[in-house]
Amino acid sequence: MDLEFSGFVIAVVVFTVVQALMGPFVFNVARQYASAILGGIGLVSTLIALAVAMLFPGGLRISGVSTWISTTVLVWVVTALGTWILGYFILERWWDHRNVPRREK
């Protein structure tokens, strides 16, 4: 795997957009045709997003089956952890704000 700094931002933006668009699409297709793979939706959409991000020159380059697999799993784990951690802080802030007593006017 090779990632040049100059193309890093482009790769991240492309990956994020494709991941956001492909996640629900892959989920709906899997739910309709192969419900047994619903647990792997994140991995499949991550793999697709990485493949699309590679299409843009000067950014991400992945070669080899083992590199594709390990990169997909690594990016999926980091994305999942980031989503869970960010979600926790947002929910915690919302919950704390919700439990603050309001002043009567």
PDB file of N, CA and C in Angstrom:
ATOM      1  N   MET A   1       0.854  -1.176   0.000  1.00  0.00           N
ATOM      2  CA  MET A   1       0.000   0.000   0.000  1.00  0.00           C
ATOM      3  C   MET A   1       0.891   1.227   0.000  1.00  0.00           C
ATOM      4  N   ASP A   2       0.490   2.205  -0.776  1.00  0.00           N
ATOM      5  CA  ASP A   2       1.238   3.448  -0.862  1.00  0.00           C
ATOM      6  C   ASP A   2       0.259   4.606  -0.841  1.00  0.00           C
ATOM      7  N   LEU A   3       0.521   5.566  -0.008  1.00  0.00           N
ATOM      8  CA  LEU A   3      -0.336   6.740   0.089  1.00  0.00           C
ATOM      9  C   LEU A   3       0.551   7.962   0.111  1.00  0.00           C
ATOM     10  N   GLU A   4       0.472   8.765  -0.929  1.00  0.00           N
ATOM     11  CA  GLU A   4       1.256   9.987  -0.986  1.00  0.00           C
ATOM     12  C   GLU A   4       0.531  11.079  -0.231  1.00  0.00           C
ATOM     13  N   PHE A   5       1.304  11.912   0.442  1.00  0.00           N
ATOM     14  CA  PHE A   5       0.715  12.975   1.252  1.00  0.00           C
ATOM     15  C   PHE A   5      -0.107  13.935   0.397  1.00  0.00           C
ATOM     16  N   SER A   6       0.371  14.214  -0.810  1.00  0.00           N
ATOM     17  CA  SER A   6      -0.344  15.164  -1.670  1.00  0.00           C
ATOM     18  C   SER A   6      -1.732  14.670  -2.045  1.00  0.00           C
ATOM     19  N   GLY A   7      -1.902  13.370  -2.148  1.00  0.00           N
ATOM     20  CA  GLY A   7      -3.200  12.825  -2.511  1.00  0.00           C
ATOM     21  C   GLY A   7      -4.011  12.337  -1.331  1.00  0.00           C
ATOM     22  N   PHE A   8      -3.485  12.500  -0.126  1.00  0.00           N
ATOM     23  CA  PHE A   8      -4.154  12.002   1.072  1.00  0.00           C
ATOM     24  C   PHE A   8      -5.534  12.630   1.252  1.00  0.00           C
ATOM     25  N   VAL A   9      -5.600  13.946   1.115  1.00  0.00           N
ATOM     26  CA  VAL A   9      -6.871  14.645   1.320  1.00  0.00           C
ATOM     27  C   VAL A   9      -7.891  14.197   0.278  1.00  0.00           C
ATOM     28  N   ILE A  10      -7.459  14.089  -0.962  1.00  0.00           N
ATOM     29  CA  ILE A  10      -8.365  13.639  -2.017  1.00  0.00           C
ATOM     30  C   ILE A  10      -8.851  12.222  -1.729  1.00  0.00           C
ATOM     31  N   ALA A  11      -7.935  11.346  -1.328  1.00  0.00           N
ATOM     32  CA  ALA A  11      -8.302   9.962  -1.024  1.00  0.00           C
ATOM     33  C   ALA A  11      -9.296   9.896   0.130  1.00  0.00           C
ATOM     34  N   VAL A  12      -9.091  10.701   1.158  1.00  0.00           N
ATOM     35  CA  VAL A  12      -9.995  10.704   2.313  1.00  0.00           C
ATOM     36  C   VAL A  12     -11.376  11.223   1.919  1.00  0.00           C
ATOM     37  N   VAL A  13     -11.423  12.305   1.154  1.00  0.00           N
ATOM     38  CA  VAL A  13     -12.712  12.870   0.745  1.00  0.00           C
ATOM     39  C   VAL A  13     -13.463  11.890  -0.154  1.00  0.00           C
ATOM     40  N   VAL A  14     -12.768  11.322  -1.135  1.00  0.00           N
ATOM     41  CA  VAL A  14     -13.407  10.367  -2.041  1.00  0.00           C
ATOM     42  C   VAL A  14     -13.881   9.148  -1.259  1.00  0.00           C
ATOM     43  N   PHE A  15     -13.033   8.615  -0.375  1.00  0.00           N
ATOM     44  CA  PHE A  15     -13.410   7.457   0.427  1.00  0.00           C
ATOM     45  C   PHE A  15     -14.652   7.753   1.261  1.00  0.00           C
ATOM     46  N   THR A  16     -14.682   8.904   1.905  1.00  0.00           N
ATOM     47  CA  THR A  16     -15.795   9.267   2.774  1.00  0.00           C
ATOM     48  C   THR A  16     -17.104   9.377   1.997  1.00  0.00           C
ATOM     49  N   VAL A  17     -17.055  10.040   0.851  1.00  0.00           N
ATOM     50  CA  VAL A  17     -18.267  10.206   0.041  1.00  0.00           C
ATOM     51  C   VAL A  17     -18.763   8.857  -0.468  1.00  0.00           C
ATOM     52  N   VAL A  18     -17.846   8.055  -0.995  1.00  0.00           N
ATOM     53  CA  VAL A  18     -18.247   6.750  -1.529  1.00  0.00           C
ATOM     54  C   VAL A  18     -18.752   5.847  -0.409  1.00  0.00           C
ATOM     55  N   GLN A  19     -18.105   5.874   0.728  1.00  0.00           N
ATOM     56  CA  GLN A  19     -18.539   5.064   1.870  1.00  0.00           C
ATOM     57  C   GLN A  19     -19.941   5.473   2.309  1.00  0.00           C
ATOM     58  N   ALA A  20     -20.202   6.770   2.355  1.00  0.00           N
ATOM     59  CA  ALA A  20     -21.518   7.252   2.778  1.00  0.00           C
ATOM     60  C   ALA A  20     -22.597   6.864   1.768  1.00  0.00           C
ATOM     61  N   LEU A  21     -22.265   6.849   0.496  1.00  0.00           N
ATOM     62  CA  LEU A  21     -23.239   6.504  -0.527  1.00  0.00           C
ATOM     63  C   LEU A  21     -23.413   4.993  -0.677  1.00  0.00           C
ATOM     64  N   MET A  22     -22.325   4.251  -0.576  1.00  0.00           N
ATOM     65  CA  MET A  22     -22.377   2.817  -0.829  1.00  0.00           C
ATOM     66  C   MET A  22     -22.891   2.013   0.361  1.00  0.00           C
ATOM     67  N   GLY A  23     -22.715   2.505   1.570  1.00  0.00           N
ATOM     68  CA  GLY A  23     -23.166   1.769   2.755  1.00  0.00           C
ATOM     69  C   GLY A  23     -24.631   1.378   2.691  1.00  0.00           C
ATOM     70  N   PRO A  24     -25.531   2.350   2.530  1.00  0.00           N
ATOM     71  CA  PRO A  24     -26.956   2.001   2.436  1.00  0.00           C
ATOM     72  C   PRO A  24     -27.284   1.160   1.203  1.00  0.00           C
ATOM     73  N   PHE A  25     -26.628   1.429   0.076  1.00  0.00           N
ATOM     74  CA  PHE A  25     -26.874   0.659  -1.143  1.00  0.00           C
ATOM     75  C   PHE A  25     -26.501  -0.806  -0.951  1.00  0.00           C
ATOM     76  N   VAL A  26     -25.302  -1.054  -0.410  1.00  0.00           N
ATOM     77  CA  VAL A  26     -24.849  -2.425  -0.180  1.00  0.00           C
ATOM     78  C   VAL A  26     -25.755  -3.110   0.837  1.00  0.00           C
ATOM     79  N   PHE A  27     -26.184  -2.381   1.854  1.00  0.00           N
ATOM     80  CA  PHE A  27     -27.087  -2.943   2.852  1.00  0.00           C
ATOM     81  C   PHE A  27     -28.392  -3.400   2.208  1.00  0.00           C
ATOM     82  N   ASN A  28     -28.986  -2.550   1.372  1.00  0.00           N
ATOM     83  CA  ASN A  28     -30.258  -2.905   0.731  1.00  0.00           C
ATOM     84  C   ASN A  28     -30.113  -4.087  -0.218  1.00  0.00           C
ATOM     85  N   VAL A  29     -29.039  -4.121  -0.982  1.00  0.00           N
ATOM     86  CA  VAL A  29     -28.809  -5.246  -1.893  1.00  0.00           C
ATOM     87  C   VAL A  29     -28.616  -6.533  -1.097  1.00  0.00           C
ATOM     88  N   ALA A  30     -27.799  -6.475  -0.046  1.00  0.00           N
ATOM     89  CA  ALA A  30     -27.545  -7.671   0.765  1.00  0.00           C
ATOM     90  C   ALA A  30     -28.810  -8.137   1.476  1.00  0.00           C
ATOM     91  N   ARG A  31     -29.580  -7.199   1.965  1.00  0.00           N
ATOM     92  CA  ARG A  31     -30.817  -7.557   2.668  1.00  0.00           C
ATOM     93  C   ARG A  31     -31.792  -8.253   1.725  1.00  0.00           C
ATOM     94  N   GLN A  32     -31.819  -7.799   0.492  1.00  0.00           N
ATOM     95  CA  GLN A  32     -32.752  -8.354  -0.476  1.00  0.00           C
ATOM     96  C   GLN A  32     -32.292  -9.692  -1.042  1.00  0.00           C
ATOM     97  N   TYR A  33     -30.990  -9.824  -1.327  1.00  0.00           N
ATOM     98  CA  TYR A  33     -30.511 -11.008  -2.042  1.00  0.00           C
ATOM     99  C   TYR A  33     -29.653 -11.961  -1.204  1.00  0.00           C
ATOM    100  N   ALA A  34     -29.005 -11.481  -0.172  1.00  0.00           N
ATOM    101  CA  ALA A  34     -28.108 -12.344   0.603  1.00  0.00           C
ATOM    102  C   ALA A  34     -28.082 -11.895   2.055  1.00  0.00           C
ATOM    103  N   SER A  35     -29.143 -12.174   2.779  1.00  0.00           N
ATOM    104  CA  SER A  35     -29.237 -11.690   4.160  1.00  0.00           C
ATOM    105  C   SER A  35     -28.177 -12.293   5.082  1.00  0.00           C
ATOM    106  N   ALA A  36     -27.554 -13.378   4.668  1.00  0.00           N
ATOM    107  CA  ALA A  36     -26.517 -14.000   5.499  1.00  0.00           C
ATOM    108  C   ALA A  36     -25.266 -13.133   5.621  1.00  0.00           C
ATOM    109  N   ILE A  37     -25.047 -12.218   4.686  1.00  0.00           N
ATOM    110  CA  ILE A  37     -23.829 -11.396   4.736  1.00  0.00           C
ATOM    111  C   ILE A  37     -24.069 -10.007   5.307  1.00  0.00           C
ATOM    112  N   LEU A  38     -25.199  -9.788   5.951  1.00  0.00           N
ATOM    113  CA  LEU A  38     -25.497  -8.467   6.492  1.00  0.00           C
ATOM    114  C   LEU A  38     -24.436  -7.990   7.482  1.00  0.00           C
ATOM    115  N   GLY A  39     -23.799  -8.890   8.192  1.00  0.00           N
ATOM    116  CA  GLY A  39     -22.756  -8.499   9.135  1.00  0.00           C
ATOM    117  C   GLY A  39     -21.513  -7.943   8.463  1.00  0.00           C
ATOM    118  N   GLY A  40     -21.295  -8.276   7.203  1.00  0.00           N
ATOM    119  CA  GLY A  40     -20.108  -7.816   6.488  1.00  0.00           C
ATOM    120  C   GLY A  40     -20.336  -6.591   5.632  1.00  0.00           C
ATOM    121  N   ILE A  41     -21.444  -5.909   5.838  1.00  0.00           N
ATOM    122  CA  ILE A  41     -21.771  -4.735   5.033  1.00  0.00           C
ATOM    123  C   ILE A  41     -20.678  -3.680   5.127  1.00  0.00           C
ATOM    124  N   GLY A  42     -20.219  -3.406   6.319  1.00  0.00           N
ATOM    125  CA  GLY A  42     -19.179  -2.391   6.501  1.00  0.00           C
ATOM    126  C   GLY A  42     -17.901  -2.739   5.761  1.00  0.00           C
ATOM    127  N   LEU A  43     -17.535  -4.007   5.798  1.00  0.00           N
ATOM    128  CA  LEU A  43     -16.325  -4.435   5.087  1.00  0.00           C
ATOM    129  C   LEU A  43     -16.484  -4.310   3.576  1.00  0.00           C
ATOM    130  N   VAL A  44     -17.642  -4.692   3.069  1.00  0.00           N
ATOM    131  CA  VAL A  44     -17.885  -4.616   1.623  1.00  0.00           C
ATOM    132  C   VAL A  44     -17.894  -3.166   1.163  1.00  0.00           C
ATOM    133  N   SER A  45     -18.593  -2.293   1.880  1.00  0.00           N
ATOM    134  CA  SER A  45     -18.637  -0.889   1.468  1.00  0.00           C
ATOM    135  C   SER A  45     -17.273  -0.220   1.631  1.00  0.00           C
ATOM    136  N   THR A  46     -16.483  -0.645   2.620  1.00  0.00           N
ATOM    137  CA  THR A  46     -15.124  -0.127   2.768  1.00  0.00           C
ATOM    138  C   THR A  46     -14.254  -0.560   1.597  1.00  0.00           C
ATOM    139  N   LEU A  47     -14.364  -1.814   1.198  1.00  0.00           N
ATOM    140  CA  LEU A  47     -13.610  -2.311   0.049  1.00  0.00           C
ATOM    141  C   LEU A  47     -13.968  -1.545  -1.222  1.00  0.00           C
ATOM    142  N   ILE A  48     -15.249  -1.313  -1.448  1.00  0.00           N
ATOM    143  CA  ILE A  48     -15.689  -0.563  -2.629  1.00  0.00           C
ATOM    144  C   ILE A  48     -15.173   0.873  -2.569  1.00  0.00           C
ATOM    145  N   ALA A  49     -15.268   1.500  -1.405  1.00  0.00           N
ATOM    146  CA  ALA A  49     -14.802   2.882  -1.263  1.00  0.00           C
ATOM    147  C   ALA A  49     -13.292   2.980  -1.497  1.00  0.00           C
ATOM    148  N   LEU A  50     -12.516   2.005  -1.015  1.00  0.00           N
ATOM    149  CA  LEU A  50     -11.077   2.003  -1.267  1.00  0.00           C
ATOM    150  C   LEU A  50     -10.783   1.837  -2.750  1.00  0.00           C
ATOM    151  N   ALA A  51     -11.541   0.985  -3.416  1.00  0.00           N
ATOM    152  CA  ALA A  51     -11.335   0.775  -4.853  1.00  0.00           C
ATOM    153  C   ALA A  51     -11.625   2.048  -5.640  1.00  0.00           C
ATOM    154  N   VAL A  52     -12.674   2.749  -5.280  1.00  0.00           N
ATOM    155  CA  VAL A  52     -12.991   4.006  -5.967  1.00  0.00           C
ATOM    156  C   VAL A  52     -11.948   5.075  -5.650  1.00  0.00           C
ATOM    157  N   ALA A  53     -11.492   5.143  -4.399  1.00  0.00           N
ATOM    158  CA  ALA A  53     -10.459   6.120  -4.024  1.00  0.00           C
ATOM    159  C   ALA A  53      -9.162   5.880  -4.784  1.00  0.00           C
ATOM    160  N   MET A  54      -8.898   4.641  -5.158  1.00  0.00           N
ATOM    161  CA  MET A  54      -7.691   4.332  -5.931  1.00  0.00           C
ATOM    162  C   MET A  54      -7.763   4.853  -7.362  1.00  0.00           C
ATOM    163  N   LEU A  55      -8.942   5.106  -7.858  1.00  0.00           N
ATOM    164  CA  LEU A  55      -9.099   5.580  -9.233  1.00  0.00           C
ATOM    165  C   LEU A  55      -8.564   6.993  -9.438  1.00  0.00           C
ATOM    166  N   PHE A  56      -8.419   7.742  -8.373  1.00  0.00           N
ATOM    167  CA  PHE A  56      -7.924   9.107  -8.470  1.00  0.00           C
ATOM    168  C   PHE A  56      -6.400   9.104  -8.387  1.00  0.00           C
ATOM    169  N   PRO A  57      -5.745   9.702  -9.360  1.00  0.00           N
ATOM    170  CA  PRO A  57      -4.277   9.652  -9.408  1.00  0.00           C
ATOM    171  C   PRO A  57      -3.623  10.471  -8.295  1.00  0.00           C
ATOM    172  N   GLY A  58      -2.423  10.037  -7.906  1.00  0.00           N
ATOM    173  CA  GLY A  58      -1.640  10.767  -6.922  1.00  0.00           C
ATOM    174  C   GLY A  58      -2.054  10.540  -5.486  1.00  0.00           C
ATOM    175  N   GLY A  59      -2.887   9.572  -5.231  1.00  0.00           N
ATOM    176  CA  GLY A  59      -3.345   9.349  -3.868  1.00  0.00           C
ATOM    177  C   GLY A  59      -3.006   7.971  -3.357  1.00  0.00           C
ATOM    178  N   LEU A  60      -3.974   7.115  -3.350  1.00  0.00           N
ATOM    179  CA  LEU A  60      -3.877   5.790  -2.756  1.00  0.00           C
ATOM    180  C   LEU A  60      -3.562   4.751  -3.816  1.00  0.00           C
ATOM    181  N   ARG A  61      -2.614   3.838  -3.491  1.00  0.00           N
ATOM    182  CA  ARG A  61      -2.309   2.700  -4.366  1.00  0.00           C
ATOM    183  C   ARG A  61      -2.207   1.454  -3.499  1.00  0.00           C
ATOM    184  N   ILE A  62      -2.981   0.436  -3.852  1.00  0.00           N
ATOM    185  CA  ILE A  62      -2.967  -0.832  -3.127  1.00  0.00           C
ATOM    186  C   ILE A  62      -2.702  -1.933  -4.137  1.00  0.00           C
ATOM    187  N   SER A  63      -1.771  -2.832  -3.798  1.00  0.00           N
ATOM    188  CA  SER A  63      -1.496  -3.963  -4.700  1.00  0.00           C
ATOM    189  C   SER A  63      -1.335  -5.225  -3.865  1.00  0.00           C
ATOM    190  N   GLY A  64      -1.834  -6.325  -4.393  1.00  0.00           N
ATOM    191  CA  GLY A  64      -1.735  -7.602  -3.690  1.00  0.00           C
ATOM    192  C   GLY A  64      -2.985  -7.916  -2.894  1.00  0.00           C
ATOM    193  N   VAL A  65      -3.370  -9.175  -2.925  1.00  0.00           N
ATOM    194  CA  VAL A  65      -4.592  -9.607  -2.239  1.00  0.00           C
ATOM    195  C   VAL A  65      -4.490  -9.418  -0.728  1.00  0.00           C
ATOM    196  N   SER A  66      -3.374  -9.798  -0.151  1.00  0.00           N
ATOM    197  CA  SER A  66      -3.233  -9.668   1.307  1.00  0.00           C
ATOM    198  C   SER A  66      -3.242  -8.203   1.731  1.00  0.00           C
ATOM    199  N   THR A  67      -2.691  -7.328   0.909  1.00  0.00           N
ATOM    200  CA  THR A  67      -2.706  -5.900   1.218  1.00  0.00           C
ATOM    201  C   THR A  67      -4.124  -5.347   1.118  1.00  0.00           C
ATOM    202  N   TRP A  68      -4.875  -5.793   0.119  1.00  0.00           N
ATOM    203  CA  TRP A  68      -6.266  -5.370  -0.004  1.00  0.00           C
ATOM    204  C   TRP A  68      -7.071  -5.794   1.220  1.00  0.00           C
ATOM    205  N   ILE A  69      -6.883  -7.033   1.641  1.00  0.00           N
ATOM    206  CA  ILE A  69      -7.635  -7.541   2.790  1.00  0.00           C
ATOM    207  C   ILE A  69      -7.258  -6.798   4.065  1.00  0.00           C
ATOM    208  N   SER A  70      -5.961  -6.666   4.316  1.00  0.00           N
ATOM    209  CA  SER A  70      -5.526  -6.016   5.553  1.00  0.00           C
ATOM    210  C   SER A  70      -5.884  -4.527   5.561  1.00  0.00           C
ATOM    211  N   THR A  71      -5.781  -3.863   4.421  1.00  0.00           N
ATOM    212  CA  THR A  71      -6.145  -2.448   4.353  1.00  0.00           C
ATOM    213  C   THR A  71      -7.640  -2.267   4.586  1.00  0.00           C
ATOM    214  N   THR A  72      -8.441  -3.128   3.984  1.00  0.00           N
ATOM    215  CA  THR A  72      -9.891  -3.042   4.175  1.00  0.00           C
ATOM    216  C   THR A  72     -10.267  -3.236   5.635  1.00  0.00           C
ATOM    217  N   VAL A  73      -9.689  -4.238   6.273  1.00  0.00           N
ATOM    218  CA  VAL A  73     -10.002  -4.502   7.685  1.00  0.00           C
ATOM    219  C   VAL A  73      -9.516  -3.360   8.568  1.00  0.00           C
ATOM    220  N   LEU A  74      -8.306  -2.878   8.321  1.00  0.00           N
ATOM    221  CA  LEU A  74      -7.752  -1.786   9.129  1.00  0.00           C
ATOM    222  C   LEU A  74      -8.597  -0.520   9.002  1.00  0.00           C
ATOM    223  N   VAL A  75      -8.930  -0.140   7.782  1.00  0.00           N
ATOM    224  CA  VAL A  75      -9.738   1.072   7.582  1.00  0.00           C
ATOM    225  C   VAL A  75     -11.128   0.884   8.183  1.00  0.00           C
ATOM    226  N   TRP A  76     -11.699  -0.312   8.041  1.00  0.00           N
ATOM    227  CA  TRP A  76     -13.013  -0.580   8.614  1.00  0.00           C
ATOM    228  C   TRP A  76     -12.990  -0.463  10.144  1.00  0.00           C
ATOM    229  N   VAL A  77     -11.970  -1.022  10.772  1.00  0.00           N
ATOM    230  CA  VAL A  77     -11.858  -0.966  12.239  1.00  0.00           C
ATOM    231  C   VAL A  77     -11.697   0.480  12.707  1.00  0.00           C
ATOM    232  N   VAL A  78     -10.824   1.229  12.054  1.00  0.00           N
ATOM    233  CA  VAL A  78     -10.611   2.631  12.448  1.00  0.00           C
ATOM    234  C   VAL A  78     -11.889   3.444  12.248  1.00  0.00           C
ATOM    235  N   THR A  79     -12.571   3.230  11.129  1.00  0.00           N
ATOM    236  CA  THR A  79     -13.824   3.940  10.866  1.00  0.00           C
ATOM    237  C   THR A  79     -14.886   3.565  11.890  1.00  0.00           C
ATOM    238  N   ALA A  80     -15.004   2.284  12.194  1.00  0.00           N
ATOM    239  CA  ALA A  80     -15.999   1.836  13.180  1.00  0.00           C
ATOM    240  C   ALA A  80     -15.708   2.406  14.561  1.00  0.00           C
ATOM    241  N   LEU A  81     -14.454   2.337  14.988  1.00  0.00           N
ATOM    242  CA  LEU A  81     -14.094   2.891  16.298  1.00  0.00           C
ATOM    243  C   LEU A  81     -14.338   4.393  16.359  1.00  0.00           C
ATOM    244  N   GLY A  82     -13.975   5.089  15.289  1.00  0.00           N
ATOM    245  CA  GLY A  82     -14.224   6.528  15.238  1.00  0.00           C
ATOM    246  C   GLY A  82     -15.698   6.852  15.320  1.00  0.00           C
ATOM    247  N   THR A  83     -16.509   6.085  14.618  1.00  0.00           N
ATOM    248  CA  THR A  83     -17.958   6.297  14.645  1.00  0.00           C
ATOM    249  C   THR A  83     -18.528   6.015  16.025  1.00  0.00           C
ATOM    250  N   TRP A  84     -18.103   4.934  16.639  1.00  0.00           N
ATOM    251  CA  TRP A  84     -18.607   4.591  17.976  1.00  0.00           C
ATOM    252  C   TRP A  84     -18.169   5.617  19.015  1.00  0.00           C
ATOM    253  N   ILE A  85     -16.913   6.022  18.973  1.00  0.00           N
ATOM    254  CA  ILE A  85     -16.405   6.987  19.953  1.00  0.00           C
ATOM    255  C   ILE A  85     -17.080   8.335  19.765  1.00  0.00           C
ATOM    256  N   LEU A  86     -17.162   8.796  18.517  1.00  0.00           N
ATOM    257  CA  LEU A  86     -17.829  10.066  18.247  1.00  0.00           C
ATOM    258  C   LEU A  86     -19.299   9.992  18.638  1.00  0.00           C
ATOM    259  N   GLY A  87     -19.948   8.893  18.307  1.00  0.00           N
ATOM    260  CA  GLY A  87     -21.347   8.700  18.683  1.00  0.00           C
ATOM    261  C   GLY A  87     -21.545   8.728  20.184  1.00  0.00           C
ATOM    262  N   TYR A  88     -20.619   8.122  20.917  1.00  0.00           N
ATOM    263  CA  TYR A  88     -20.706   8.109  22.378  1.00  0.00           C
ATOM    264  C   TYR A  88     -20.659   9.527  22.932  1.00  0.00           C
ATOM    265  N   PHE A  89     -19.710  10.330  22.451  1.00  0.00           N
ATOM    266  CA  PHE A  89     -19.583  11.698  22.963  1.00  0.00           C
ATOM    267  C   PHE A  89     -20.786  12.556  22.585  1.00  0.00           C
ATOM    268  N   ILE A  90     -21.317  12.357  21.389  1.00  0.00           N
ATOM    269  CA  ILE A  90     -22.495  13.122  20.984  1.00  0.00           C
ATOM    270  C   ILE A  90     -23.694  12.714  21.824  1.00  0.00           C
ATOM    271  N   LEU A  91     -23.890  11.400  22.019  1.00  0.00           N
ATOM    272  CA  LEU A  91     -25.016  10.938  22.833  1.00  0.00           C
ATOM    273  C   LEU A  91     -24.863  11.356  24.286  1.00  0.00           C
ATOM    274  N   GLU A  92     -23.642  11.303  24.795  1.00  0.00           N
ATOM    275  CA  GLU A  92     -23.421  11.707  26.184  1.00  0.00           C
ATOM    276  C   GLU A  92     -23.739  13.188  26.366  1.00  0.00           C
ATOM    277  N   ARG A  93     -23.308  14.010  25.427  1.00  0.00           N
ATOM    278  CA  ARG A  93     -23.586  15.443  25.507  1.00  0.00           C
ATOM    279  C   ARG A  93     -25.091  15.695  25.413  1.00  0.00           C
ATOM    280  N   TRP A  94     -25.768  14.979  24.498  1.00  0.00           N
ATOM    281  CA  TRP A  94     -27.212  15.133  24.360  1.00  0.00           C
ATOM    282  C   TRP A  94     -27.914  14.712  25.644  1.00  0.00           C
ATOM    283  N   TRP A  95     -27.479  13.587  26.235  1.00  0.00           N
ATOM    284  CA  TRP A  95     -28.114  13.082  27.449  1.00  0.00           C
ATOM    285  C   TRP A  95     -27.908  14.053  28.606  1.00  0.00           C
ATOM    286  N   ASP A  96     -26.687  14.576  28.728  1.00  0.00           N
ATOM    287  CA  ASP A  96     -26.424  15.540  29.798  1.00  0.00           C
ATOM    288  C   ASP A  96     -27.254  16.805  29.607  1.00  0.00           C
ATOM    289  N   HIS A  97     -27.377  17.268  28.390  1.00  0.00           N
ATOM    290  CA  HIS A  97     -28.166  18.470  28.096  1.00  0.00           C
ATOM    291  C   HIS A  97     -29.647  18.212  28.367  1.00  0.00           C
ATOM    292  N   ARG A  98     -30.089  17.013  28.101  1.00  0.00           N
ATOM    293  CA  ARG A  98     -31.497  16.654  28.285  1.00  0.00           C
ATOM    294  C   ARG A  98     -31.869  16.605  29.758  1.00  0.00           C
ATOM    295  N   ASN A  99     -30.937  16.220  30.622  1.00  0.00           N
ATOM    296  CA  ASN A  99     -31.219  16.061  32.047  1.00  0.00           C
ATOM    297  C   ASN A  99     -30.994  17.330  32.865  1.00  0.00           C
ATOM    298  N   VAL A 100     -30.605  18.411  32.212  1.00  0.00           N
ATOM    299  CA  VAL A 100     -30.423  19.674  32.927  1.00  0.00           C
ATOM    300  C   VAL A 100     -31.803  20.274  33.196  1.00  0.00           C
ATOM    301  N   PRO A 101     -32.086  20.614  34.461  1.00  0.00           N
ATOM    302  CA  PRO A 101     -33.407  21.185  34.765  1.00  0.00           C
ATOM    303  C   PRO A 101     -33.564  22.539  34.068  1.00  0.00           C
ATOM    304  N   ARG A 102     -34.754  22.773  33.542  1.00  0.00           N
ATOM    305  CA  ARG A 102     -35.025  24.038  32.863  1.00  0.00           C
ATOM    306  C   ARG A 102     -35.621  25.022  33.837  1.00  0.00           C
ATOM    307  N   ARG A 103     -35.230  26.275  33.626  1.00  0.00           N
ATOM    308  CA  ARG A 103     -35.797  27.337  34.478  1.00  0.00           C
ATOM    309  C   ARG A 103     -37.181  27.723  33.961  1.00  0.00           C
ATOM    310  N   GLU A 104     -38.072  27.967  34.891  1.00  0.00           N
ATOM    311  CA  GLU A 104     -39.398  28.401  34.503  1.00  0.00           C
ATOM    312  C   GLU A 104     -39.393  29.908  34.291  1.00  0.00           C
ATOM    313  N   LYS A 105     -40.167  30.341  33.352  1.00  0.00           N
ATOM    314  CA  LYS A 105     -40.226  31.793  33.044  1.00  0.00           C
ATOM    315  C   LYS A 105     -41.365  32.452  33.752  1.00  0.00           C
TER     316      LYS A 105
END
